[in-house]
Amino acid sequence: MNIYVSNLSFNVQDEDLKGFFEDYGEVTSARVITDKFTQRSKGFGFVEMSDDAAAAKAIAELDGSTADGRTMKVMEARPKEERPAGNSRSFSKSW
């Protein structure tokens, strides 16, 4: 199961994020998302767990918990929405 974790402290690193979930089962990956230019955390990340039951328990117990002074929001990740290629703005001539 892929898990979305938001409202993370900017000090949280990949290993910290993994550590939050390891008590609940095997973590196959944990990644804090960073800005591609500054390499600073964006305050959210994703965790993958191989066991859906363990992941559901982790979500239930970690959602609303505090880490490094911030209250985390934890939920099952939704699939990424498809976006049209190219410019996202739609222009039309009105003349």
N, C-alpha and C. Protein backbone atom coordinates (compact mmCIF):
# COMPACT_ATOMS: atom_id res chain seq x y z
N MET A 1 0.85 -1.18 0.00
CA MET A 1 0.00 0.00 0.00
C MET A 1 0.89 1.24 0.00
N ASN A 2 0.50 2.22 -0.77
CA ASN A 2 1.22 3.48 -0.83
C ASN A 2 0.53 4.48 0.11
N ILE A 3 1.30 5.10 0.97
CA ILE A 3 0.78 5.99 2.01
C ILE A 3 1.32 7.40 1.81
N TYR A 4 0.43 8.38 1.91
CA TYR A 4 0.78 9.79 1.79
C TYR A 4 0.87 10.37 3.20
N VAL A 5 1.97 11.07 3.49
CA VAL A 5 2.18 11.67 4.80
C VAL A 5 2.45 13.16 4.58
N SER A 6 1.61 14.01 5.19
CA SER A 6 1.79 15.45 5.01
C SER A 6 1.98 16.15 6.35
N ASN A 7 2.28 17.42 6.27
CA ASN A 7 2.56 18.28 7.43
C ASN A 7 3.78 17.79 8.20
N LEU A 8 4.77 17.31 7.45
CA LEU A 8 6.02 16.87 8.08
C LEU A 8 6.89 18.08 8.41
N SER A 9 7.65 17.95 9.47
CA SER A 9 8.66 18.95 9.79
C SER A 9 9.67 18.97 8.65
N PHE A 10 10.21 20.13 8.36
CA PHE A 10 11.21 20.23 7.31
C PHE A 10 12.52 19.55 7.69
N ASN A 11 12.65 19.14 8.95
CA ASN A 11 13.84 18.43 9.42
C ASN A 11 13.75 16.92 9.19
N VAL A 12 12.57 16.40 8.88
CA VAL A 12 12.38 14.96 8.70
C VAL A 12 13.04 14.51 7.40
N GLN A 13 13.85 13.47 7.50
CA GLN A 13 14.55 12.88 6.35
C GLN A 13 13.91 11.52 6.02
N ASP A 14 14.33 10.93 4.90
CA ASP A 14 13.78 9.64 4.47
C ASP A 14 13.86 8.58 5.57
N GLU A 15 15.01 8.47 6.22
CA GLU A 15 15.19 7.46 7.27
C GLU A 15 14.26 7.71 8.47
N ASP A 16 14.03 8.98 8.80
CA ASP A 16 13.10 9.31 9.89
C ASP A 16 11.70 8.85 9.53
N LEU A 17 11.29 9.15 8.31
CA LEU A 17 9.95 8.78 7.84
C LEU A 17 9.79 7.26 7.88
N LYS A 18 10.79 6.56 7.42
CA LYS A 18 10.76 5.09 7.45
C LYS A 18 10.61 4.60 8.89
N GLY A 19 11.34 5.23 9.81
CA GLY A 19 11.29 4.84 11.21
C GLY A 19 9.92 4.98 11.85
N PHE A 20 9.15 5.97 11.42
CA PHE A 20 7.80 6.15 11.97
C PHE A 20 6.93 4.94 11.69
N PHE A 21 7.17 4.25 10.57
CA PHE A 21 6.29 3.18 10.11
C PHE A 21 6.83 1.78 10.39
N GLU A 22 8.10 1.64 10.68
CA GLU A 22 8.71 0.32 10.85
C GLU A 22 8.11 -0.49 12.00
N ASP A 23 7.58 0.16 13.01
CA ASP A 23 6.97 -0.58 14.12
C ASP A 23 5.71 -1.33 13.69
N TYR A 24 5.15 -0.97 12.53
CA TYR A 24 3.89 -1.57 12.08
C TYR A 24 4.09 -2.67 11.05
N GLY A 25 5.28 -2.76 10.46
CA GLY A 25 5.53 -3.80 9.47
C GLY A 25 6.64 -3.38 8.52
N GLU A 26 6.85 -4.21 7.50
CA GLU A 26 7.94 -3.97 6.55
C GLU A 26 7.66 -2.74 5.70
N VAL A 27 8.61 -1.83 5.70
CA VAL A 27 8.55 -0.63 4.86
C VAL A 27 9.42 -0.89 3.65
N THR A 28 8.80 -0.90 2.46
CA THR A 28 9.58 -1.17 1.25
C THR A 28 10.24 0.08 0.71
N SER A 29 9.66 1.25 1.00
CA SER A 29 10.30 2.52 0.63
C SER A 29 9.69 3.66 1.44
N ALA A 30 10.49 4.69 1.64
CA ALA A 30 10.05 5.89 2.34
C ALA A 30 10.80 7.06 1.73
N ARG A 31 10.07 8.06 1.27
CA ARG A 31 10.73 9.18 0.59
C ARG A 31 10.06 10.50 0.95
N VAL A 32 10.87 11.43 1.46
CA VAL A 32 10.42 12.80 1.69
C VAL A 32 10.62 13.55 0.38
N ILE A 33 9.61 14.25 -0.08
CA ILE A 33 9.69 14.96 -1.35
C ILE A 33 10.41 16.28 -1.13
N THR A 34 11.38 16.56 -2.02
CA THR A 34 12.18 17.77 -1.90
C THR A 34 12.04 18.64 -3.14
N ASP A 35 12.30 19.93 -2.96
CA ASP A 35 12.30 20.87 -4.06
C ASP A 35 13.49 20.56 -4.96
N LYS A 36 13.27 20.51 -6.27
CA LYS A 36 14.35 20.09 -7.17
C LYS A 36 15.47 21.12 -7.28
N PHE A 37 15.21 22.36 -6.91
CA PHE A 37 16.24 23.39 -7.01
C PHE A 37 17.00 23.58 -5.69
N THR A 38 16.27 23.64 -4.58
CA THR A 38 16.90 23.90 -3.28
C THR A 38 17.22 22.63 -2.50
N GLN A 39 16.64 21.50 -2.90
CA GLN A 39 16.79 20.22 -2.20
C GLN A 39 16.21 20.25 -0.78
N ARG A 40 15.40 21.27 -0.48
CA ARG A 40 14.74 21.34 0.84
C ARG A 40 13.44 20.57 0.80
N SER A 41 13.06 20.03 1.94
CA SER A 41 11.83 19.26 2.06
C SER A 41 10.62 20.14 1.71
N LYS A 42 9.64 19.53 1.07
CA LYS A 42 8.38 20.22 0.79
C LYS A 42 7.35 19.95 1.89
N GLY A 43 7.73 19.15 2.90
CA GLY A 43 6.84 18.91 4.03
C GLY A 43 5.88 17.74 3.84
N PHE A 44 6.12 16.92 2.83
CA PHE A 44 5.30 15.72 2.66
C PHE A 44 6.14 14.61 2.06
N GLY A 45 5.60 13.39 2.13
CA GLY A 45 6.33 12.26 1.60
C GLY A 45 5.43 11.07 1.38
N PHE A 46 6.04 9.98 0.93
CA PHE A 46 5.31 8.75 0.63
C PHE A 46 6.03 7.58 1.26
N VAL A 47 5.24 6.64 1.76
CA VAL A 47 5.76 5.41 2.35
C VAL A 47 5.04 4.25 1.68
N GLU A 48 5.78 3.20 1.33
CA GLU A 48 5.17 2.00 0.79
C GLU A 48 5.40 0.87 1.77
N MET A 49 4.30 0.14 2.04
CA MET A 49 4.37 -1.02 2.92
C MET A 49 3.81 -2.22 2.16
N SER A 50 4.46 -3.38 2.35
CA SER A 50 4.06 -4.57 1.60
C SER A 50 2.78 -5.20 2.12
N ASP A 51 2.48 -5.05 3.39
CA ASP A 51 1.29 -5.65 4.01
C ASP A 51 0.20 -4.60 4.18
N ASP A 52 -0.91 -4.77 3.46
CA ASP A 52 -2.00 -3.79 3.52
C ASP A 52 -2.62 -3.66 4.91
N ALA A 53 -2.72 -4.76 5.64
CA ALA A 53 -3.29 -4.71 6.99
C ALA A 53 -2.38 -3.90 7.92
N ALA A 54 -1.08 -4.12 7.82
CA ALA A 54 -0.12 -3.36 8.63
C ALA A 54 -0.15 -1.88 8.24
N ALA A 55 -0.28 -1.61 6.95
CA ALA A 55 -0.34 -0.23 6.47
C ALA A 55 -1.60 0.47 7.00
N ALA A 56 -2.72 -0.23 6.97
CA ALA A 56 -3.98 0.34 7.47
C ALA A 56 -3.86 0.65 8.96
N LYS A 57 -3.22 -0.23 9.72
CA LYS A 57 -3.03 0.02 11.16
C LYS A 57 -2.12 1.22 11.38
N ALA A 58 -1.05 1.31 10.58
CA ALA A 58 -0.13 2.45 10.69
C ALA A 58 -0.85 3.76 10.39
N ILE A 59 -1.68 3.76 9.36
CA ILE A 59 -2.43 4.96 9.00
C ILE A 59 -3.34 5.37 10.15
N ALA A 60 -4.08 4.40 10.69
CA ALA A 60 -5.02 4.69 11.79
C ALA A 60 -4.32 5.24 13.02
N GLU A 61 -3.15 4.70 13.34
CA GLU A 61 -2.46 5.10 14.56
C GLU A 61 -1.56 6.32 14.40
N LEU A 62 -1.02 6.53 13.20
CA LEU A 62 -0.09 7.66 13.02
C LEU A 62 -0.78 8.94 12.57
N ASP A 63 -1.97 8.84 11.98
CA ASP A 63 -2.68 10.04 11.56
C ASP A 63 -3.02 10.89 12.79
N GLY A 64 -2.57 12.12 12.80
CA GLY A 64 -2.81 13.01 13.93
C GLY A 64 -1.72 12.95 15.00
N SER A 65 -0.74 12.09 14.81
CA SER A 65 0.35 12.01 15.79
C SER A 65 1.34 13.16 15.54
N THR A 66 2.15 13.44 16.54
CA THR A 66 3.09 14.55 16.46
C THR A 66 4.52 14.03 16.28
N ALA A 67 5.23 14.64 15.34
CA ALA A 67 6.64 14.33 15.13
C ALA A 67 7.38 15.64 14.91
N ASP A 68 8.40 15.87 15.71
CA ASP A 68 9.21 17.09 15.62
C ASP A 68 8.35 18.35 15.69
N GLY A 69 7.33 18.30 16.56
CA GLY A 69 6.49 19.47 16.80
C GLY A 69 5.39 19.71 15.77
N ARG A 70 5.20 18.81 14.82
CA ARG A 70 4.17 18.98 13.79
C ARG A 70 3.20 17.80 13.87
N THR A 71 1.92 18.07 13.66
CA THR A 71 0.90 17.03 13.65
C THR A 71 0.78 16.47 12.23
N MET A 72 1.18 15.22 12.08
CA MET A 72 1.19 14.59 10.76
C MET A 72 -0.22 14.19 10.31
N LYS A 73 -0.43 14.28 9.02
CA LYS A 73 -1.64 13.76 8.40
C LYS A 73 -1.21 12.55 7.58
N VAL A 74 -1.84 11.42 7.83
CA VAL A 74 -1.45 10.17 7.19
C VAL A 74 -2.68 9.55 6.56
N MET A 75 -2.57 9.21 5.26
CA MET A 75 -3.71 8.59 4.56
C MET A 75 -3.21 7.75 3.40
N GLU A 76 -4.08 6.90 2.89
CA GLU A 76 -3.71 6.12 1.72
C GLU A 76 -3.54 7.08 0.55
N ALA A 77 -2.46 6.89 -0.20
CA ALA A 77 -2.18 7.76 -1.34
C ALA A 77 -3.15 7.45 -2.47
N ARG A 78 -3.61 8.50 -3.13
CA ARG A 78 -4.46 8.34 -4.31
C ARG A 78 -3.56 8.28 -5.53
N PRO A 79 -4.02 7.61 -6.58
CA PRO A 79 -3.21 7.59 -7.81
C PRO A 79 -3.04 8.99 -8.36
N LYS A 80 -1.89 9.23 -8.97
CA LYS A 80 -1.60 10.53 -9.56
C LYS A 80 -2.58 10.79 -10.70
N GLU A 81 -3.15 11.99 -10.72
CA GLU A 81 -4.10 12.35 -11.77
C GLU A 81 -3.36 12.60 -13.07
N GLU A 82 -3.95 12.12 -14.15
CA GLU A 82 -3.38 12.39 -15.47
C GLU A 82 -3.62 13.84 -15.82
N ARG A 83 -2.58 14.48 -16.32
CA ARG A 83 -2.68 15.87 -16.75
C ARG A 83 -2.39 15.92 -18.24
N PRO A 84 -3.06 16.81 -18.95
CA PRO A 84 -2.77 16.90 -20.38
C PRO A 84 -1.34 17.38 -20.61
N ALA A 85 -0.73 16.88 -21.67
CA ALA A 85 0.63 17.28 -22.00
C ALA A 85 0.65 18.71 -22.51
N GLY A 86 1.78 19.37 -22.36
CA GLY A 86 1.91 20.74 -22.86
C GLY A 86 1.40 21.76 -21.88
N ASN A 87 1.03 22.90 -22.42
CA ASN A 87 0.56 24.03 -21.61
C ASN A 87 -0.76 23.67 -20.95
N SER A 88 -0.87 23.89 -19.65
CA SER A 88 -2.09 23.53 -18.94
C SER A 88 -3.19 24.59 -19.08
N ARG A 89 -2.85 25.71 -19.65
CA ARG A 89 -3.85 26.77 -19.83
C ARG A 89 -4.57 26.56 -21.16
N SER A 90 -5.83 26.87 -21.13
CA SER A 90 -6.62 26.73 -22.34
C SER A 90 -6.96 28.11 -22.88
N PHE A 91 -6.50 28.38 -24.08
CA PHE A 91 -6.76 29.68 -24.68
C PHE A 91 -7.70 29.47 -25.87
N SER A 92 -8.62 30.37 -25.99
CA SER A 92 -9.48 30.32 -27.17
C SER A 92 -9.67 31.72 -27.70
N LYS A 93 -9.74 31.81 -28.99
CA LYS A 93 -9.96 33.11 -29.62
C LYS A 93 -11.44 33.43 -29.53
N SER A 94 -11.71 34.64 -29.17
CA SER A 94 -13.12 35.03 -29.07
C SER A 94 -13.49 36.06 -30.15
N TRP A 95 -12.63 36.18 -31.15
CA TRP A 95 -12.96 37.12 -32.22
C TRP A 95 -13.22 36.43 -33.51
